[in-house]
């Protein structure tokens, strides 16, 4: 009795992954085993870097807040401590945006906590 193989489904799976690897260099785009490995590794990197992106942005916000705070003779840690002590609930993302795009509002916040 001949072996039963669902070639339609396996061919569709290969086609789907090869379409996703379009634009890769060399054998990574058209050789099935290489393309599959590359695609799976890419998914791993994507998962990892969605988390790393959050770290990177937080570090950027802290640098921007620190640079803006030093214009008013405060360090980042002093500013954040004073904000916490005075009960002002404002996150780093908004604070960094104010420091970059609305310096007078940032100055008002610094003057309030001094």
Protein backbone atom coordinates (compact mmCIF):
# COMPACT_ATOMS: atom_id res chain seq x y z
CA UNK A 1 0.00 0.00 0.00
CA UNK A 2 1.46 3.37 -0.96
CA UNK A 3 2.41 5.88 1.69
CA UNK A 4 -0.12 8.68 2.25
CA UNK A 5 1.44 12.13 2.29
CA UNK A 6 -0.45 15.41 2.54
CA UNK A 7 1.69 17.17 -0.06
CA UNK A 8 -0.78 20.03 -0.49
CA UNK A 9 -0.42 21.14 3.13
CA UNK A 10 3.36 20.73 3.29
CA UNK A 11 3.84 22.59 -0.02
CA UNK A 12 1.57 25.40 1.25
CA UNK A 13 3.64 25.65 4.45
CA UNK A 14 6.89 25.86 2.49
CA UNK A 15 5.42 28.47 0.14
CA UNK A 16 4.16 30.55 3.08
CA UNK A 17 7.57 30.63 4.77
CA UNK A 18 9.46 31.26 1.50
CA UNK A 19 7.20 34.25 0.85
CA UNK A 20 8.10 35.63 4.28
CA UNK A 21 11.83 35.26 3.57
CA UNK A 22 11.60 37.24 0.34
CA UNK A 23 14.31 39.89 0.27
CA UNK A 24 16.83 37.90 2.31
CA UNK A 25 20.36 37.45 0.93
CA UNK A 26 21.52 34.40 -1.00
CA UNK A 27 20.19 30.97 -0.10
CA UNK A 28 18.27 32.43 2.85
CA UNK A 29 15.46 33.39 0.49
CA UNK A 30 15.00 30.28 -1.68
CA UNK A 31 16.54 27.16 -0.11
CA UNK A 32 13.88 25.63 2.13
CA UNK A 33 15.99 24.47 5.09
CA UNK A 34 18.11 27.63 5.20
CA UNK A 35 15.06 29.87 4.79
CA UNK A 36 13.15 28.03 7.52
CA UNK A 37 16.03 28.34 9.99
CA UNK A 38 16.51 32.02 9.16
CA UNK A 39 12.80 32.73 9.52
CA UNK A 40 12.57 30.99 12.90
CA UNK A 41 15.69 32.77 14.17
CA UNK A 42 14.17 36.05 13.00
CA UNK A 43 11.04 35.37 15.06
CA UNK A 44 13.26 34.76 18.10
CA UNK A 45 15.06 38.07 17.56
CA UNK A 46 11.74 39.88 17.10
CA UNK A 47 10.40 38.48 20.38
CA UNK A 48 13.59 39.41 22.25
CA UNK A 49 13.83 42.89 20.78
CA UNK A 50 10.22 43.81 21.50
CA UNK A 51 11.29 43.61 25.13
CA UNK A 52 14.68 45.29 24.60
CA UNK A 53 12.96 48.23 22.89
CA UNK A 54 11.25 49.10 26.16
CA UNK A 55 14.61 49.15 27.96
CA UNK A 56 16.20 51.27 25.27
CA UNK A 57 13.44 53.87 25.31
CA UNK A 58 13.46 54.10 29.10
CA UNK A 59 17.22 54.75 29.00
CA UNK A 60 16.69 57.44 26.34
CA UNK A 61 13.98 59.15 28.41
CA UNK A 62 16.24 59.14 31.47
CA UNK A 63 19.10 60.74 29.50
CA UNK A 64 16.80 63.46 28.17
CA UNK A 65 15.33 64.20 31.61
CA UNK A 66 18.83 64.31 33.13
CA UNK A 67 20.09 66.72 30.46
CA UNK A 68 17.10 69.02 30.94
CA UNK A 69 17.25 68.85 34.75
CA UNK A 70 20.91 69.84 34.78
CA UNK A 71 19.98 73.13 33.09
CA UNK A 72 18.19 73.96 36.35
CA UNK A 73 21.01 72.75 38.66
CA UNK A 74 19.43 69.38 39.50
CA UNK A 75 20.47 65.87 38.67
CA UNK A 76 18.08 63.24 37.37
CA UNK A 77 17.97 61.42 40.69
CA UNK A 78 17.36 64.62 42.64
CA UNK A 79 14.53 65.58 40.30
CA UNK A 80 12.85 62.18 40.44
CA UNK A 81 13.20 62.08 44.23
CA UNK A 82 11.67 65.55 44.54
CA UNK A 83 8.82 64.60 42.19
CA UNK A 84 8.07 61.51 44.25
CA UNK A 85 8.26 63.42 47.52
CA UNK A 86 5.94 66.18 46.31
CA UNK A 87 3.42 63.61 45.04
CA UNK A 88 3.57 64.56 41.37
CA UNK A 89 2.68 61.44 39.38
CA UNK A 90 4.25 61.92 35.95
CA UNK A 91 5.97 59.17 34.02
CA UNK A 92 9.38 59.38 32.36
CA UNK A 93 7.96 59.26 28.82
CA UNK A 94 5.85 62.39 29.33
CA UNK A 95 8.58 64.13 31.31
CA UNK A 96 11.14 63.51 28.55
CA UNK A 97 8.67 64.77 25.94
CA UNK A 98 8.10 67.96 27.95
CA UNK A 99 11.86 68.43 28.33
CA UNK A 100 12.42 68.14 24.58
CA UNK A 101 9.33 69.87 23.13
CA UNK A 102 7.96 72.13 25.86
CA UNK A 103 10.83 73.48 27.98
CA UNK A 104 8.71 76.10 29.78
CA UNK A 105 6.36 73.41 31.09
CA UNK A 106 9.37 71.35 32.21
CA UNK A 107 10.79 74.42 33.94
CA UNK A 108 7.47 74.95 35.75
CA UNK A 109 7.58 71.38 37.04
CA UNK A 110 11.19 71.78 38.22
CA UNK A 111 10.38 75.09 39.97
CA UNK A 112 7.38 73.46 41.70
CA UNK A 113 9.48 70.63 43.19
CA UNK A 114 12.50 72.77 44.19
